[in-house]
């Protein structure tokens, strides 16, 4: 059994390009760039709440208390503090009362 095939210029990269077509290659490049842009710019809506808090010292102290409880081995206290943080982030009204009513202005 003898198979005869033409060689493509460019090796495996060239054969992949020509096998999928120029349109497929262009689509892959555009989708990759779009994913990079979305990843760098798309997360701002999730950070907006925490970035605009004016007085975060109490929240920061609560996070430090979780770290201290973990370091001391007090797992029950750590779990209670962590649940408190989760409840705060799930309730925007409570978070607003804790960190201040006005937004931070630059």
N, C-alpha and C. Protein backbone atom coordinates (compact mmCIF):
# COMPACT_ATOMS: atom_id res chain seq x y z
N UNK A 1 0.84 -1.17 0.00
CA UNK A 1 0.00 0.00 0.00
C UNK A 1 0.89 1.23 0.00
N UNK A 2 0.75 2.07 -1.00
CA UNK A 2 1.56 3.29 -1.13
C UNK A 2 0.60 4.48 -1.16
N UNK A 3 0.91 5.48 -0.28
CA UNK A 3 0.09 6.69 -0.23
C UNK A 3 0.93 7.85 -0.72
N UNK A 4 0.39 8.63 -1.61
CA UNK A 4 1.10 9.78 -2.14
C UNK A 4 0.33 11.03 -1.71
N UNK A 5 1.05 11.96 -1.04
CA UNK A 5 0.42 13.20 -0.59
C UNK A 5 1.38 14.35 -0.80
N UNK A 6 0.87 15.50 -1.11
CA UNK A 6 1.70 16.69 -1.26
C UNK A 6 2.07 17.22 0.11
N UNK A 7 3.30 17.73 0.22
CA UNK A 7 3.73 18.36 1.46
C UNK A 7 3.30 19.82 1.45
N UNK A 8 2.87 20.30 2.62
CA UNK A 8 2.49 21.69 2.74
C UNK A 8 3.67 22.48 3.29
N UNK A 9 3.84 23.69 2.83
CA UNK A 9 4.90 24.54 3.34
C UNK A 9 4.55 24.99 4.75
N UNK A 10 5.54 25.06 5.61
CA UNK A 10 5.31 25.55 6.96
C UNK A 10 5.20 24.47 8.00
N UNK A 11 5.31 23.22 7.65
CA UNK A 11 5.26 22.15 8.64
C UNK A 11 3.87 21.99 9.25
N UNK A 12 3.84 21.64 10.54
CA UNK A 12 2.56 21.35 11.18
C UNK A 12 1.72 22.61 11.37
N UNK A 13 2.35 23.76 11.63
CA UNK A 13 1.59 24.99 11.79
C UNK A 13 0.92 25.38 10.47
N UNK A 14 1.65 25.24 9.40
CA UNK A 14 1.09 25.56 8.08
C UNK A 14 -0.01 24.60 7.69
N UNK A 15 0.17 23.33 8.00
CA UNK A 15 -0.87 22.36 7.64
C UNK A 15 -2.13 22.58 8.47
N UNK A 16 -1.97 22.99 9.72
CA UNK A 16 -3.14 23.27 10.55
C UNK A 16 -3.87 24.49 10.02
N UNK A 17 -3.13 25.51 9.61
CA UNK A 17 -3.74 26.72 9.06
C UNK A 17 -4.54 26.41 7.81
N UNK A 18 -3.94 25.65 6.91
CA UNK A 18 -4.62 25.36 5.65
C UNK A 18 -5.72 24.33 5.82
N UNK A 19 -5.59 23.43 6.77
CA UNK A 19 -6.62 22.42 6.98
C UNK A 19 -7.89 23.08 7.53
N UNK A 20 -7.74 24.03 8.46
CA UNK A 20 -8.90 24.69 9.03
C UNK A 20 -9.38 25.86 8.21
N UNK A 21 -8.51 26.40 7.42
CA UNK A 21 -8.87 27.53 6.59
C UNK A 21 -8.47 28.84 7.25
N UNK A 22 -8.36 29.84 6.44
CA UNK A 22 -7.96 31.15 6.90
C UNK A 22 -9.05 31.75 7.79
N UNK A 23 -10.29 31.50 7.47
CA UNK A 23 -11.40 32.03 8.25
C UNK A 23 -11.38 31.44 9.67
N UNK A 24 -11.09 30.17 9.78
CA UNK A 24 -11.03 29.54 11.10
C UNK A 24 -9.86 30.11 11.92
N UNK A 25 -8.73 30.33 11.28
CA UNK A 25 -7.59 30.91 11.96
C UNK A 25 -7.91 32.34 12.42
N UNK A 26 -8.50 33.13 11.54
CA UNK A 26 -8.88 34.50 11.88
C UNK A 26 -9.89 34.51 13.03
N UNK A 27 -10.85 33.61 12.99
CA UNK A 27 -11.85 33.52 14.07
C UNK A 27 -11.20 33.17 15.39
N UNK A 28 -10.24 32.27 15.37
CA UNK A 28 -9.56 31.88 16.61
C UNK A 28 -8.78 33.05 17.19
N UNK A 29 -8.13 33.84 16.34
CA UNK A 29 -7.37 35.00 16.82
C UNK A 29 -8.32 36.05 17.40
N UNK A 30 -9.42 36.32 16.73
CA UNK A 30 -10.38 37.31 17.21
C UNK A 30 -10.98 36.86 18.53
N UNK A 31 -11.34 35.60 18.65
CA UNK A 31 -11.91 35.09 19.90
C UNK A 31 -10.90 35.14 21.05
N UNK A 32 -9.64 34.87 20.76
CA UNK A 32 -8.62 34.94 21.80
C UNK A 32 -8.44 36.38 22.30
N UNK A 33 -8.43 37.33 21.39
CA UNK A 33 -8.29 38.74 21.78
C UNK A 33 -9.53 39.19 22.57
N UNK A 34 -10.71 38.76 22.14
CA UNK A 34 -11.94 39.12 22.85
C UNK A 34 -11.95 38.55 24.26
N UNK A 35 -11.47 37.33 24.42
CA UNK A 35 -11.42 36.72 25.74
C UNK A 35 -10.45 37.47 26.66
N UNK A 36 -9.31 37.89 26.12
CA UNK A 36 -8.36 38.67 26.92
C UNK A 36 -8.97 40.01 27.36
N UNK A 37 -9.64 40.69 26.45
CA UNK A 37 -10.26 41.96 26.79
C UNK A 37 -11.38 41.78 27.82
N UNK A 38 -12.17 40.76 27.64
CA UNK A 38 -13.25 40.51 28.58
C UNK A 38 -12.72 40.16 29.96
N UNK A 39 -11.65 39.40 30.01
CA UNK A 39 -11.05 39.05 31.29
C UNK A 39 -10.46 40.23 32.02
N UNK A 40 -9.86 41.15 31.27
CA UNK A 40 -9.24 42.31 31.93
C UNK A 40 -10.25 43.39 32.28
N UNK A 41 -11.32 43.53 31.51
CA UNK A 41 -12.29 44.60 31.75
C UNK A 41 -13.59 44.11 32.37
N UNK A 42 -13.90 42.85 32.22
CA UNK A 42 -15.20 42.35 32.63
C UNK A 42 -15.39 42.17 34.12
N UNK A 43 -14.33 42.10 34.90
CA UNK A 43 -14.48 41.87 36.33
C UNK A 43 -14.77 43.11 37.14
N UNK A 44 -14.85 44.27 36.49
CA UNK A 44 -15.05 45.51 37.24
C UNK A 44 -16.42 45.55 37.91
N UNK A 45 -17.42 44.92 37.34
CA UNK A 45 -18.74 44.97 37.97
C UNK A 45 -18.76 44.21 39.29
N UNK A 46 -17.87 43.23 39.46
CA UNK A 46 -17.81 42.49 40.72
C UNK A 46 -16.97 43.23 41.76
N UNK A 47 -16.00 44.01 41.32
CA UNK A 47 -15.15 44.75 42.24
C UNK A 47 -15.71 46.11 42.60
N UNK A 48 -16.71 46.57 41.88
CA UNK A 48 -17.24 47.91 42.07
C UNK A 48 -17.74 48.14 43.48
N UNK A 49 -18.43 47.17 44.05
CA UNK A 49 -18.99 47.33 45.39
C UNK A 49 -17.88 47.54 46.41
N UNK A 50 -16.83 46.75 46.36
CA UNK A 50 -15.77 46.87 47.35
C UNK A 50 -14.80 48.00 47.05
N UNK A 51 -14.64 48.37 45.81
CA UNK A 51 -13.72 49.45 45.47
C UNK A 51 -14.25 50.83 45.89
N UNK A 52 -15.55 50.97 45.97
CA UNK A 52 -16.14 52.27 46.26
C UNK A 52 -16.55 52.44 47.73
N UNK A 53 -16.19 51.51 48.60
CA UNK A 53 -16.53 51.64 50.02
C UNK A 53 -15.62 52.68 50.67
N UNK A 54 -16.19 53.67 51.38
CA UNK A 54 -15.36 54.72 51.96
C UNK A 54 -14.64 54.32 53.25
N UNK A 55 -15.28 53.56 54.11
CA UNK A 55 -14.68 53.22 55.41
C UNK A 55 -14.67 51.71 55.58
N UNK A 56 -13.55 51.10 55.26
CA UNK A 56 -13.48 49.64 55.26
C UNK A 56 -12.72 49.07 56.44
N UNK A 57 -12.39 49.89 57.41
CA UNK A 57 -11.56 49.40 58.53
C UNK A 57 -12.25 48.27 59.30
N UNK A 58 -13.55 48.39 59.58
CA UNK A 58 -14.26 47.34 60.32
C UNK A 58 -14.27 46.03 59.53
N UNK A 59 -14.47 46.12 58.24
CA UNK A 59 -14.47 44.94 57.39
C UNK A 59 -13.08 44.31 57.34
N UNK A 60 -12.06 45.14 57.26
CA UNK A 60 -10.68 44.66 57.27
C UNK A 60 -10.35 43.98 58.60
N UNK A 61 -10.80 44.56 59.70
CA UNK A 61 -10.58 43.95 61.01
C UNK A 61 -11.26 42.59 61.13
N UNK A 62 -12.42 42.47 60.53
CA UNK A 62 -13.13 41.19 60.54
C UNK A 62 -12.36 40.13 59.76
N UNK A 63 -11.79 40.51 58.63
CA UNK A 63 -10.97 39.58 57.84
C UNK A 63 -9.70 39.19 58.60
N UNK A 64 -9.11 40.15 59.30
CA UNK A 64 -7.93 39.84 60.11
C UNK A 64 -8.28 38.89 61.26
N UNK A 65 -9.48 39.06 61.83
CA UNK A 65 -9.92 38.18 62.91
C UNK A 65 -10.07 36.74 62.42
N UNK A 66 -10.50 36.57 61.18
CA UNK A 66 -10.59 35.22 60.60
C UNK A 66 -9.19 34.62 60.51
N UNK A 67 -8.23 35.40 60.05
CA UNK A 67 -6.85 34.91 59.92
C UNK A 67 -6.26 34.59 61.30
N UNK A 68 -6.55 35.41 62.29
CA UNK A 68 -6.03 35.15 63.64
C UNK A 68 -6.65 33.88 64.22
N UNK A 69 -7.96 33.71 64.03
CA UNK A 69 -8.63 32.50 64.52
C UNK A 69 -8.06 31.26 63.85
N UNK A 70 -7.76 31.34 62.56
CA UNK A 70 -7.17 30.20 61.85
C UNK A 70 -5.78 29.90 62.39
N UNK A 71 -4.99 30.94 62.61
CA UNK A 71 -3.64 30.76 63.12
C UNK A 71 -3.64 30.13 64.52
N UNK A 72 -4.60 30.55 65.35
CA UNK A 72 -4.69 30.02 66.72
C UNK A 72 -5.32 28.64 66.78
N UNK A 73 -5.90 28.19 65.68
CA UNK A 73 -6.50 26.86 65.65
C UNK A 73 -7.94 26.83 66.15
N UNK A 74 -8.56 27.97 66.31
CA UNK A 74 -9.94 28.05 66.75
C UNK A 74 -10.86 27.95 65.53
N UNK A 75 -11.12 26.73 65.10
CA UNK A 75 -11.86 26.52 63.86
C UNK A 75 -13.32 26.96 63.98
N UNK A 76 -13.93 26.76 65.14
CA UNK A 76 -15.31 27.18 65.32
C UNK A 76 -15.44 28.69 65.21
N UNK A 77 -14.54 29.42 65.87
CA UNK A 77 -14.56 30.89 65.81
C UNK A 77 -14.28 31.38 64.38
N UNK A 78 -13.35 30.71 63.71
CA UNK A 78 -13.05 31.07 62.32
C UNK A 78 -14.28 30.90 61.43
N UNK A 79 -14.98 29.79 61.60
CA UNK A 79 -16.18 29.54 60.79
C UNK A 79 -17.26 30.57 61.08
N UNK A 80 -17.43 30.95 62.35
CA UNK A 80 -18.44 31.95 62.70
C UNK A 80 -18.11 33.31 62.08
N UNK A 81 -16.85 33.70 62.15
CA UNK A 81 -16.44 34.99 61.57
C UNK A 81 -16.58 34.99 60.05
N UNK A 82 -16.22 33.87 59.44
CA UNK A 82 -16.34 33.76 57.99
C UNK A 82 -17.80 33.83 57.56
N UNK A 83 -18.68 33.19 58.32
CA UNK A 83 -20.11 33.27 58.00
C UNK A 83 -20.63 34.70 58.15
N UNK A 84 -20.09 35.42 59.12
CA UNK A 84 -20.46 36.83 59.28
C UNK A 84 -20.06 37.64 58.05
N UNK A 85 -18.86 37.40 57.55
CA UNK A 85 -18.41 38.10 56.33
C UNK A 85 -19.31 37.76 55.15
N UNK A 86 -19.66 36.48 55.01
CA UNK A 86 -20.54 36.09 53.91
C UNK A 86 -21.91 36.76 54.03
N UNK A 87 -22.46 36.82 55.24
CA UNK A 87 -23.74 37.49 55.44
C UNK A 87 -23.66 38.97 55.09
N UNK A 88 -22.53 39.60 55.42
CA UNK A 88 -22.35 41.01 55.08
C UNK A 88 -22.35 41.22 53.57
N UNK A 89 -21.62 40.40 52.85
CA UNK A 89 -21.54 40.56 51.40
C UNK A 89 -22.83 40.18 50.69
N UNK A 90 -23.63 39.35 51.32
CA UNK A 90 -24.92 38.99 50.72
C UNK A 90 -25.99 40.03 51.00
N UNK A 91 -25.76 40.92 51.93
CA UNK A 91 -26.73 41.95 52.28
C UNK A 91 -26.12 43.33 52.01
N UNK A 92 -26.39 43.89 50.86
CA UNK A 92 -25.81 45.20 50.52
C UNK A 92 -26.21 46.30 51.51
N UNK A 93 -27.43 46.23 52.07
CA UNK A 93 -27.86 47.26 53.01
C UNK A 93 -26.99 47.25 54.26
N UNK A 94 -26.72 46.06 54.80
CA UNK A 94 -25.89 45.94 56.00
C UNK A 94 -24.46 46.37 55.70
N UNK A 95 -23.96 45.99 54.55
CA UNK A 95 -22.61 46.37 54.16
C UNK A 95 -22.50 47.89 54.01
N UNK A 96 -23.53 48.51 53.48
CA UNK A 96 -23.55 49.96 53.34
C UNK A 96 -23.58 50.65 54.71
N UNK A 97 -24.34 50.10 55.64
CA UNK A 97 -24.38 50.67 56.99
C UNK A 97 -23.04 50.53 57.68
N UNK A 98 -22.34 49.41 57.45
CA UNK A 98 -21.06 49.17 58.11
C UNK A 98 -19.95 50.05 57.55
N UNK A 99 -19.94 50.26 56.24
CA UNK A 99 -18.82 50.97 55.62
C UNK A 99 -19.11 52.43 55.31
N UNK A 100 -20.30 52.89 55.54
CA UNK A 100 -20.63 54.30 55.28
C UNK A 100 -21.56 54.44 54.12
N UNK A 101 -22.38 55.49 54.16
CA UNK A 101 -23.41 55.67 53.16
C UNK A 101 -22.95 56.33 51.87
N UNK A 102 -21.95 57.19 51.95
CA UNK A 102 -21.50 57.91 50.75
C UNK A 102 -20.43 57.12 50.02
N UNK A 103 -20.41 57.25 48.71
CA UNK A 103 -19.38 56.59 47.92
C UNK A 103 -18.08 57.37 47.98
N UNK A 104 -16.99 56.65 47.80
CA UNK A 104 -15.67 57.28 47.82
C UNK A 104 -15.48 58.09 46.55
N UNK A 105 -15.00 59.30 46.69
CA UNK A 105 -14.71 60.17 45.54
C UNK A 105 -13.22 60.39 45.45
N UNK A 106 -12.70 60.30 44.22
CA UNK A 106 -11.26 60.53 44.01
C UNK A 106 -10.97 61.98 43.73
